Structures are given as structure tokens and as C-alpha cells.
C-alpha atoms as a PDB file:
ATOM      1  CA  MET A   1      49.835  45.791-145.814  1.00  0.00           C
ATOM      2  CA  GLN A   2      49.200  42.067-145.773  1.00  0.00           C
ATOM      3  CA  ARG A   3      49.791  40.128-142.372  1.00  0.00           C
ATOM      4  CA  ALA A   4      51.241  36.818-141.863  1.00  0.00           C
ATOM      5  CA  VAL A   5      50.336  33.103-141.910  1.00  0.00           C
ATOM      6  CA  ILE A   6      52.557  31.154-139.636  1.00  0.00           C
ATOM      7  CA  SER A   7      53.528  27.839-141.447  1.00  0.00           C
ATOM      8  CA  SER A   8      55.167  24.839-140.045  1.00  0.00           C
ATOM      9  CA  SER A   9      57.709  25.394-142.771  1.00  0.00           C
ATOM     10  CA  LEU A  10      59.298  28.000-140.657  1.00  0.00           C
ATOM     11  CA  LEU A  11      60.778  24.954-138.821  1.00  0.00           C
ATOM     12  CA  ARG A  12      63.022  24.323-141.762  1.00  0.00           C
ATOM     13  CA  MET A  13      64.529  27.752-141.778  1.00  0.00           C
ATOM     14  CA  ASP A  14      67.829  26.368-140.652  1.00  0.00           C
ATOM     15  CA  ALA A  15      68.543  25.245-144.268  1.00  0.00           C
ATOM     16  CA  LEU A  16      68.238  28.829-145.630  1.00  0.00           C
ATOM     17  CA  SER A  17      70.886  31.449-145.912  1.00  0.00           C
ATOM     18  CA  PRO A  18      70.672  34.315-143.347  1.00  0.00           C
ATOM     19  CA  ARG A  19      69.067  36.848-145.827  1.00  0.00           C
ATOM     20  CA  ARG A  20      66.629  34.056-147.080  1.00  0.00           C
ATOM     21  CA  LYS A  21      65.630  33.395-143.518  1.00  0.00           C
ATOM     22  CA  ARG A  22      64.967  37.100-142.891  1.00  0.00           C
ATOM     23  CA  VAL A  23      62.668  37.331-145.924  1.00  0.00           C
ATOM     24  CA  PHE A  24      61.082  33.974-145.308  1.00  0.00           C
ATOM     25  CA  ALA A  25      60.172  34.589-141.670  1.00  0.00           C
ATOM     26  CA  ALA A  26      58.591  38.068-142.595  1.00  0.00           C
ATOM     27  CA  HIS A  27      56.589  36.669-145.531  1.00  0.00           C
ATOM     28  CA  SER A  28      55.354  33.637-143.486  1.00  0.00           C
ATOM     29  CA  TRP A  29      53.933  35.982-140.667  1.00  0.00           C
ATOM     30  CA  LYS A  30      52.485  38.186-143.335  1.00  0.00           C
ATOM     31  CA  ARG A  31      50.450  35.111-144.914  1.00  0.00           C
ATOM     32  CA  VAL A  32      49.069  34.286-141.350  1.00  0.00           C
ATOM     33  CA  PHE A  33      47.531  37.712-140.925  1.00  0.00           C
ATOM     34  CA  ALA A  34      46.254  37.846-144.529  1.00  0.00           C
ATOM     35  CA  SER A  35      44.180  34.665-143.719  1.00  0.00           C
ATOM     36  CA  LEU A  36      42.990  36.170-140.522  1.00  0.00           C
ATOM     37  CA  ARG A  37      41.740  39.201-142.369  1.00  0.00           C
ATOM     38  CA  GLN A  38      40.261  37.011-145.177  1.00  0.00           C
ATOM     39  CA  CYS A  39      38.241  35.224-142.468  1.00  0.00           C
ATOM     40  CA  SER A  40      36.893  38.497-141.161  1.00  0.00           C
ATOM     41  CA  THR A  41      35.920  39.708-144.540  1.00  0.00           C
ATOM     42  CA  LEU A  42      34.081  36.544-145.208  1.00  0.00           C
ATOM     43  CA  ALA A  43      32.254  36.750-141.820  1.00  0.00           C
ATOM     44  CA  VAL A  44      31.044  40.263-142.604  1.00  0.00           C
ATOM     45  CA  ALA A  45      29.777  39.287-146.055  1.00  0.00           C
ATOM     46  CA  ILE A  46      27.780  36.217-144.613  1.00  0.00           C
ATOM     47  CA  VAL A  47      26.191  38.686-142.119  1.00  0.00           C
ATOM     48  CA  CYS A  48      25.466  41.157-144.877  1.00  0.00           C
ATOM     49  CA  LEU A  49      23.872  38.457-147.011  1.00  0.00           C
ATOM     50  CA  TYR A  50      21.605  37.216-144.227  1.00  0.00           C
ATOM     51  CA  ALA A  51      20.421  40.764-143.418  1.00  0.00           C
ATOM     52  CA  CYS A  52      19.571  41.430-146.903  1.00  0.00           C
ATOM     53  CA  GLN A  53      17.558  38.096-147.200  1.00  0.00           C
ATOM     54  CA  ARG A  54      15.643  39.277-144.084  1.00  0.00           C
ATOM     55  CA  GLY A  55      14.880  42.630-145.833  1.00  0.00           C
ATOM     56  CA  ASN A  56      17.191  44.579-143.474  1.00  0.00           C
ATOM     57  CA  THR A  57      19.538  46.842-145.623  1.00  0.00           C
ATOM     58  CA  GLN A  58      21.418  48.061-142.765  1.00  0.00           C
ATOM     59  CA  LEU A  59      24.897  46.699-142.001  1.00  0.00           C
ATOM     60  CA  PRO A  60      24.688  45.100-138.579  1.00  0.00           C
ATOM     61  CA  VAL A  61      28.539  44.647-138.114  1.00  0.00           C
ATOM     62  CA  ARG A  62      31.296  47.054-138.536  1.00  0.00           C
ATOM     63  CA  LEU A  63      35.041  46.182-138.076  1.00  0.00           C
ATOM     64  CA  ALA A  64      36.634  48.440-135.484  1.00  0.00           C
ATOM     65  CA  PRO A  65      39.849  50.210-136.651  1.00  0.00           C
ATOM     66  CA  ALA A  66      43.190  48.903-135.320  1.00  0.00           C
ATOM     67  CA  GLN A  67      44.166  50.581-132.132  1.00  0.00           C
ATOM     68  CA  HIS A  68      47.254  48.483-131.646  1.00  0.00           C
ATOM     69  CA  ARG A  69      50.090  47.989-134.153  1.00  0.00           C
ATOM     70  CA  ILE A  70      52.617  45.496-132.713  1.00  0.00           C
ATOM     71  CA  LEU A  71      56.124  44.919-134.042  1.00  0.00           C
ATOM     72  CA  ALA A  72      58.104  41.886-132.793  1.00  0.00           C
ATOM     73  CA  PHE A  73      61.872  41.440-133.015  1.00  0.00           C
ATOM     74  CA  GLY A  74      64.206  38.602-131.922  1.00  0.00           C
ATOM     75  CA  ASP A  75      65.297  35.113-132.559  1.00  0.00           C
ATOM     76  CA  SER A  76      63.871  31.668-133.182  1.00  0.00           C
ATOM     77  CA  LEU A  77      62.189  31.820-129.726  1.00  0.00           C
ATOM     78  CA  ALA A  78      60.136  34.843-130.971  1.00  0.00           C
ATOM     79  CA  LEU A  79      59.118  32.711-134.072  1.00  0.00           C
ATOM     80  CA  GLY A  80      57.859  29.754-131.998  1.00  0.00           C
ATOM     81  CA  VAL A  81      60.464  27.253-133.339  1.00  0.00           C
ATOM     82  CA  GLY A  82      60.051  23.951-131.650  1.00  0.00           C
ATOM     83  CA  ALA A  83      56.264  24.189-131.216  1.00  0.00           C
ATOM     84  CA  SER A  84      54.097  21.653-133.056  1.00  0.00           C
ATOM     85  CA  ASP A  85      53.182  24.712-135.239  1.00  0.00           C
ATOM     86  CA  PRO A  86      54.648  28.191-135.074  1.00  0.00           C
ATOM     87  CA  SER A  87      51.271  29.608-134.249  1.00  0.00           C
ATOM     88  CA  ARG A  88      51.655  27.856-130.805  1.00  0.00           C
ATOM     89  CA  GLY A  89      54.671  30.179-130.058  1.00  0.00           C
ATOM     90  CA  PHE A  90      54.246  32.556-127.226  1.00  0.00           C
ATOM     91  CA  MET A  91      54.385  35.760-129.421  1.00  0.00           C
ATOM     92  CA  PHE A  92      51.415  34.632-131.404  1.00  0.00           C
ATOM     93  CA  ALA A  93      49.541  33.405-128.306  1.00  0.00           C
ATOM     94  CA  LEU A  94      49.987  36.921-126.662  1.00  0.00           C
ATOM     95  CA  TYR A  95      48.887  38.520-129.885  1.00  0.00           C
ATOM     96  CA  ARG A  96      45.745  36.244-129.757  1.00  0.00           C
ATOM     97  CA  LYS A  97      45.194  37.771-126.313  1.00  0.00           C
ATOM     98  CA  VAL A  98      45.416  41.319-127.616  1.00  0.00           C
ATOM     99  CA  LEU A  99      43.191  40.393-130.667  1.00  0.00           C
ATOM    100  CA  SER A 100      40.401  39.424-128.322  1.00  0.00           C
ATOM    101  CA  ARG A 101      40.294  42.797-126.864  1.00  0.00           C
ATOM    102  CA  ASP A 102      41.216  44.802-129.994  1.00  0.00           C
ATOM    103  CA  PRO A 103      39.770  42.937-133.111  1.00  0.00           C
ATOM    104  CA  GLY A 104      41.737  45.257-135.413  1.00  0.00           C
ATOM    105  CA  ALA A 105      45.076  44.756-133.680  1.00  0.00           C
ATOM    106  CA  GLN A 106      47.959  44.020-136.105  1.00  0.00           C
ATOM    107  CA  ILE A 107      51.407  42.481-135.632  1.00  0.00           C
ATOM    108  CA  THR A 108      54.441  41.961-137.978  1.00  0.00           C
ATOM    109  CA  ASN A 109      57.177  39.714-136.556  1.00  0.00           C
ATOM    110  CA  TYR A 110      60.657  40.638-137.966  1.00  0.00           C
ATOM    111  CA  ALA A 111      62.456  38.020-135.803  1.00  0.00           C
ATOM    112  CA  VAL A 112      65.102  35.486-137.523  1.00  0.00           C
ATOM    113  CA  GLY A 113      66.165  32.248-136.173  1.00  0.00           C
ATOM    114  CA  GLY A 114      69.730  32.304-134.931  1.00  0.00           C
ATOM    115  CA  ALA A 115      69.734  36.051-134.447  1.00  0.00           C
ATOM    116  CA  ARG A 116      71.841  37.777-131.878  1.00  0.00           C
ATOM    117  CA  VAL A 117      71.232  41.140-130.355  1.00  0.00           C
ATOM    118  CA  ASP A 118      73.786  42.785-132.845  1.00  0.00           C
ATOM    119  CA  ASP A 119      71.441  41.241-135.731  1.00  0.00           C
ATOM    120  CA  VAL A 120      68.340  42.915-134.246  1.00  0.00           C
ATOM    121  CA  LEU A 121      70.151  46.182-133.964  1.00  0.00           C
ATOM    122  CA  HIS A 122      71.607  46.399-137.295  1.00  0.00           C
ATOM    123  CA  TYR A 123      69.309  44.318-139.540  1.00  0.00           C
ATOM    124  CA  GLU A 124      65.948  43.747-138.037  1.00  0.00           C
ATOM    125  CA  LEU A 125      65.236  47.309-136.982  1.00  0.00           C
ATOM    126  CA  ALA A 126      66.468  48.539-140.400  1.00  0.00           C
ATOM    127  CA  ARG A 127      63.755  46.352-142.190  1.00  0.00           C
ATOM    128  CA  ALA A 128      61.154  47.858-140.032  1.00  0.00           C
ATOM    129  CA  HIS A 129      62.330  51.376-140.167  1.00  0.00           C
ATOM    130  CA  GLY A 130      59.159  52.625-142.170  1.00  0.00           C
ATOM    131  CA  GLU A 131      56.647  50.945-139.828  1.00  0.00           C
ATOM    132  CA  ASN A 132      54.356  52.652-137.391  1.00  0.00           C
ATOM    133  CA  ALA A 133      54.034  50.908-133.926  1.00  0.00           C
ATOM    134  CA  THR A 134      52.111  51.437-130.622  1.00  0.00           C
ATOM    135  CA  ASP A 135      53.699  48.483-129.130  1.00  0.00           C
ATOM    136  CA  ILE A 136      57.085  46.690-129.541  1.00  0.00           C
ATOM    137  CA  TRP A 137      57.817  43.136-128.262  1.00  0.00           C
ATOM    138  CA  ILE A 138      61.576  41.946-128.263  1.00  0.00           C
ATOM    139  CA  CYS A 139      62.936  38.592-127.315  1.00  0.00           C
ATOM    140  CA  ILE A 140      66.755  38.139-127.835  1.00  0.00           C
ATOM    141  CA  GLY A 141      69.780  36.973-126.073  1.00  0.00           C
ATOM    142  CA  GLY A 142      69.703  33.055-126.186  1.00  0.00           C
ATOM    143  CA  ASN A 143      72.133  32.847-129.166  1.00  0.00           C
ATOM    144  CA  ASP A 144      74.379  35.407-127.601  1.00  0.00           C
ATOM    145  CA  VAL A 145      74.800  33.040-124.681  1.00  0.00           C
ATOM    146  CA  THR A 146      75.412  29.888-126.807  1.00  0.00           C
ATOM    147  CA  HIS A 147      78.017  31.814-128.682  1.00  0.00           C
ATOM    148  CA  THR A 148      79.614  32.915-125.428  1.00  0.00           C
ATOM    149  CA  ILE A 149      79.557  36.537-126.314  1.00  0.00           C
ATOM    150  CA  ALA A 150      80.879  38.464-123.392  1.00  0.00           C
ATOM    151  CA  ALA A 151      78.381  39.661-120.905  1.00  0.00           C
ATOM    152  CA  ALA A 152      79.734  43.266-120.997  1.00  0.00           C
ATOM    153  CA  ARG A 153      79.419  43.263-124.904  1.00  0.00           C
ATOM    154  CA  PHE A 154      75.816  41.938-124.693  1.00  0.00           C
ATOM    155  CA  ALA A 155      74.988  44.586-122.102  1.00  0.00           C
ATOM    156  CA  SER A 156      76.267  47.401-124.290  1.00  0.00           C
ATOM    157  CA  GLN A 157      74.600  46.187-127.308  1.00  0.00           C
ATOM    158  CA  ASP A 158      71.328  45.557-125.689  1.00  0.00           C
ATOM    159  CA  THR A 159      71.368  48.970-124.130  1.00  0.00           C
ATOM    160  CA  ALA A 160      72.060  50.513-127.625  1.00  0.00           C
ATOM    161  CA  LEU A 161      69.081  48.490-129.040  1.00  0.00           C
ATOM    162  CA  LEU A 162      66.689  49.762-126.429  1.00  0.00           C
ATOM    163  CA  ARG A 163      67.797  53.363-127.086  1.00  0.00           C
ATOM    164  CA  ALA A 164      67.448  52.967-130.847  1.00  0.00           C
ATOM    165  CA  LEU A 165      63.916  51.633-130.381  1.00  0.00           C
ATOM    166  CA  ARG A 166      63.078  54.543-128.207  1.00  0.00           C
ATOM    167  CA  ARG A 167      64.358  56.929-130.510  1.00  0.00           C
ATOM    168  CA  ARG A 168      62.553  55.514-133.551  1.00  0.00           C
ATOM    169  CA  TRP A 169      59.242  54.861-131.731  1.00  0.00           C
ATOM    170  CA  PRO A 170      59.318  57.293-128.843  1.00  0.00           C
ATOM    171  CA  ALA A 171      55.690  56.751-127.916  1.00  0.00           C
ATOM    172  CA  ALA A 172      55.702  52.997-128.193  1.00  0.00           C
ATOM    173  CA  ARG A 173      54.890  50.659-125.255  1.00  0.00           C
ATOM    174  CA  ILE A 174      57.798  48.303-125.313  1.00  0.00           C
ATOM    175  CA  VAL A 175      57.970  44.655-123.646  1.00  0.00           C
ATOM    176  CA  VAL A 176      61.614  43.037-123.250  1.00  0.00           C
ATOM    177  CA  PHE A 177      61.638  39.482-122.861  1.00  0.00           C
ATOM    178  CA  GLY A 178      64.699  38.495-120.861  1.00  0.00           C
ATOM    179  CA  VAL A 179      67.281  35.808-121.567  1.00  0.00           C
ATOM    180  CA  PRO A 180      66.331  32.234-120.969  1.00  0.00           C
ATOM    181  CA  ASP A 181      68.585  29.877-119.073  1.00  0.00           C
ATOM    182  CA  VAL A 182      69.967  27.918-122.042  1.00  0.00           C
ATOM    183  CA  SER A 183      71.847  25.703-119.615  1.00  0.00           C
ATOM    184  CA  ARG A 184      68.699  23.856-118.921  1.00  0.00           C
ATOM    185  CA  SER A 185      68.923  22.086-122.081  1.00  0.00           C
ATOM    186  CA  ALA A 186      70.161  18.541-122.024  1.00  0.00           C
ATOM    187  CA  LEU A 187      72.770  19.556-124.835  1.00  0.00           C
ATOM    188  CA  PHE A 188      74.928  20.922-122.204  1.00  0.00           C
ATOM    189  CA  ALA A 189      76.727  19.394-119.375  1.00  0.00           C
ATOM    190  CA  GLY A 190      79.708  19.849-116.900  1.00  0.00           C
ATOM    191  CA  ALA A 191      81.659  22.985-117.002  1.00  0.00           C
ATOM    192  CA  MET A 192      79.848  24.266-120.250  1.00  0.00           C
ATOM    193  CA  ARG A 193      76.562  24.037-118.364  1.00  0.00           C
ATOM    194  CA  ALA A 194      77.775  26.059-115.589  1.00  0.00           C
ATOM    195  CA  GLN A 195      79.417  28.579-117.841  1.00  0.00           C
ATOM    196  CA  LEU A 196      76.277  29.034-119.918  1.00  0.00           C
ATOM    197  CA  ARG A 197      74.129  29.326-116.673  1.00  0.00           C
ATOM    198  CA  ASP A 198      76.246  32.097-115.405  1.00  0.00           C
ATOM    199  CA  LEU A 199      76.236  33.944-118.795  1.00  0.00           C
ATOM    200  CA  SER A 200      72.535  33.476-119.208  1.00  0.00           C
ATOM    201  CA  ARG A 201      71.933  34.867-115.597  1.00  0.00           C
ATOM    202  CA  ALA A 202      74.233  37.975-116.402  1.00  0.00           C
ATOM    203  CA  ASP A 203      72.640  38.697-119.746  1.00  0.00           C
ATOM    204  CA  ASN A 204      69.248  38.423-118.460  1.00  0.00           C
ATOM    205  CA  GLU A 205      70.030  41.007-115.886  1.00  0.00           C
ATOM    206  CA  ALA A 206      71.540  43.250-118.509  1.00  0.00           C
ATOM    207  CA  ALA A 207      68.213  43.033-120.378  1.00  0.00           C
ATOM    208  CA  ARG A 208      66.324  43.932-117.266  1.00  0.00           C
ATOM    209  CA  GLN A 209      68.523  47.085-116.907  1.00  0.00           C
ATOM    210  CA  ALA A 210      68.318  47.940-120.546  1.00  0.00           C
ATOM    211  CA  ALA A 211      64.425  47.536-120.134  1.00  0.00           C
ATOM    212  CA  ALA A 212      64.488  50.037-117.311  1.00  0.00           C
ATOM    213  CA  GLY A 213      66.561  52.598-118.962  1.00  0.00           C
ATOM    214  CA  GLY A 214      64.285  52.311-121.994  1.00  0.00           C
ATOM    215  CA  GLN A 215      61.036  52.799-119.994  1.00  0.00           C
ATOM    216  CA  ALA A 216      60.119  49.193-121.000  1.00  0.00           C
ATOM    217  CA  SER A 217      58.301  46.295-119.164  1.00  0.00           C
ATOM    218  CA  PHE A 218      60.380  43.221-118.546  1.00  0.00           C
ATOM    219  CA  VAL A 219      59.540  39.509-118.486  1.00  0.00           C
ATOM    220  CA  ASP A 220      62.115  37.473-116.463  1.00  0.00           C
ATOM    221  CA  LEU A 221      62.746  34.373-118.667  1.00  0.00           C
ATOM    222  CA  PHE A 222      65.671  33.340-116.729  1.00  0.00           C
ATOM    223  CA  THR A 223      63.799  32.714-113.532  1.00  0.00           C
ATOM    224  CA  LEU A 224      61.052  31.055-115.401  1.00  0.00           C
ATOM    225  CA  GLY A 225      63.709  28.382-116.219  1.00  0.00           C
ATOM    226  CA  ARG A 226      63.617  27.160-112.627  1.00  0.00           C
ATOM    227  CA  HIS A 227      60.286  25.625-113.257  1.00  0.00           C
ATOM    228  CA  VAL A 228      61.363  23.818-116.446  1.00  0.00           C
ATOM    229  CA  VAL A 229      60.698  20.122-116.582  1.00  0.00           C
ATOM    230  CA  ALA A 230      62.861  18.915-119.567  1.00  0.00           C
ATOM    231  CA  ASP A 231      60.709  16.080-120.834  1.00  0.00           C
ATOM    232  CA  ARG A 232      57.775  18.263-120.738  1.00  0.00           C
ATOM    233  CA  ASP A 233      59.022  21.713-121.700  1.00  0.00           C
ATOM    234  CA  PHE A 234      61.642  20.966-124.401  1.00  0.00           C
ATOM    235  CA  SER A 235      60.958  20.045-128.060  1.00  0.00           C
ATOM    236  CA  ALA A 236      62.577  17.137-129.647  1.00  0.00           C
ATOM    237  CA  ASP A 237      65.732  19.162-130.591  1.00  0.00           C
ATOM    238  CA  ASN A 238      66.368  19.570-126.719  1.00  0.00           C
ATOM    239  CA  PHE A 239      66.853  23.218-127.196  1.00  0.00           C
ATOM    240  CA  HIS A 240      63.757  25.012-128.202  1.00  0.00           C
ATOM    241  CA  PRO A 241      60.555  24.916-126.173  1.00  0.00           C
ATOM    242  CA  SER A 242      57.765  22.476-126.693  1.00  0.00           C
ATOM    243  CA  ASP A 243      54.162  23.663-126.972  1.00  0.00           C
ATOM    244  CA  ALA A 244      54.093  23.147-123.084  1.00  0.00           C
ATOM    245  CA  GLY A 245      57.292  25.300-122.795  1.00  0.00           C
ATOM    246  CA  TYR A 246      55.684  28.100-124.896  1.00  0.00           C
ATOM    247  CA  ASP A 247      52.512  27.972-122.882  1.00  0.00           C
ATOM    248  CA  ALA A 248      54.435  28.419-119.775  1.00  0.00           C
ATOM    249  CA  ILE A 249      56.144  31.483-121.346  1.00  0.00           C
ATOM    250  CA  GLU A 250      52.784  32.913-122.387  1.00  0.00           C
ATOM    251  CA  GLN A 251      51.192  32.478-119.020  1.00  0.00           C
ATOM    252  CA  ALA A 252      54.011  34.086-117.201  1.00  0.00           C
ATOM    253  CA  ALA A 253      54.179  36.972-119.669  1.00  0.00           C
ATOM    254  CA  GLU A 254      50.505  37.499-120.213  1.00  0.00           C
ATOM    255  CA  PRO A 255      49.664  39.841-117.289  1.00  0.00           C
ATOM    256  CA  ILE A 256      52.850  41.934-117.983  1.00  0.00           C
ATOM    257  CA  VAL A 257      52.115  42.301-121.682  1.00  0.00           C
ATOM    258  CA  LEU A 258      48.411  43.011-121.343  1.00  0.00           C
ATOM    259  CA  ARG A 259      49.132  45.628-118.723  1.00  0.00           C
ATOM    260  CA  SER A 260      51.721  47.230-121.197  1.00  0.00           C
ATOM    261  CA  VAL A 261      49.338  47.095-124.030  1.00  0.00           C
ATOM    262  CA  PHE A 262      45.988  48.230-122.485  1.00  0.00           C
ATOM    263  CA  GLU A 263      46.885  50.481-119.465  1.00  0.00           C
END
């Protein structure tokens, strides 16, 4: 299967219908990894040519088989929306960390901008049903907060999501990224900001409990929000992270994710 190229055109996904968004996101990620594999193939070809010119007919390099097959699910945060290029998003940065230790590692990102937990449960998972996976990364919840979905409903759906993931991929190592504190955005003020802060906190805790119930690792994005500096960590839309914001998420998540993947 071809893998993805992340293109800055993903930042224009808001103009697409929900169905077109899902198809476009998957195709974009597939182009990124097709390019990565083309580069790997070219490198091997160059080495082979050099060896033949030196009179050495043995192949000096052999690509290792993939040990890790990662599936990612979620919303625009999982796609890197707001970064200068989607490849600067934290999911792709974490994948590069895995790739440095497992050169054959593969990832497919099924995330869709604007998705809520119900969308992951009923649409994203269905699209990935035929996939094999050693590792699953999921980042969802911010849009449930901004749509003021009741905390009890989010908790119920998030628990159902983790159970569905565990049923479909019983041996997979799962990492759950919690719910960010969306009230940190300058788009919200007054009573609305207070309401969104409380809802973010409650949903983040629900995600933590769902992760524990699904034998998954957990990255606390709500607590990370305490260190947010608006001018540095938000992009121009004042909602999604900037490059610096995504770097902060990646740095906080790295030890948890790598421990999940390799230990």
C-alpha cells in the first residue's frame, strides 16, 4: 500500500465536504509515505550502482522489514493543521522518531478535520477495518468541547471507542492523547471561556479513564495547556497550534509514545 505525502493543501480542507475531507486526508498522508519510500529505493539503487562500479557484486544495504504498523485517528490536531506545513504536526514528528529506530515503520493517518469522538467511532474506524496494526495513536475531543457536547456523553462514547479499538486490534499498543484546554484560545472569553475550560478538564479526565480501561498509554494534553504562551504556541487562526505549539506536544509525548512502541 502506498503511504502518504503531507501537503500544505491540507490546511484548506475546511472548504471540502465531510466525505471529501476524509478521502483527501487519507490520500494526502499516503502521498507522503510514497515519497519516503521512493527516496529509500533511490538510495539503495545508488549504493548498488557504486558497488558495481567498484567490481563488488554484493548488495551492501538491505532494507529491514517493518516492525511497526501505526494507525492514527482523530481530528485536525492529529493532522497538524495550523503548522507551517502539516509535516510539522506532532503525529508526524513522533512517527519520524519511530522511523529513526525502525526504518521500515509505516503509518496511515485516518484523522479528519472537525471530527468528534462519534465520528472516529462510526466513520474513521470503519475505513481502517481491514488494516493490520501494531500501534494505534488517537487524538480526539477538542471539537466535542467546542460543540459543548455533554461530558457524560463524551465519556460514554470515548469508552466505547477504546473498547472498539481493543476488540479490533487486541494486541496493538495504544496511545491516547487527551483533550486540550481549548479555553486557552483568544477566541473565547468570559463565561464561555470558563465553560470550555471545565468541559476540557472533564473530557480530558474521561479520556484518561478510557485509556486505562483499554490498557492504553495516556498523554495529558489538558495539563500541557498550563504552559501555553498564546503569541508563541497558537497559529494565525488563534485556535490550532503553531509550529512551536506542536513541538511542545511532541516533546511532552515523546517519552510516553516511544516507551509504548518499543518496550
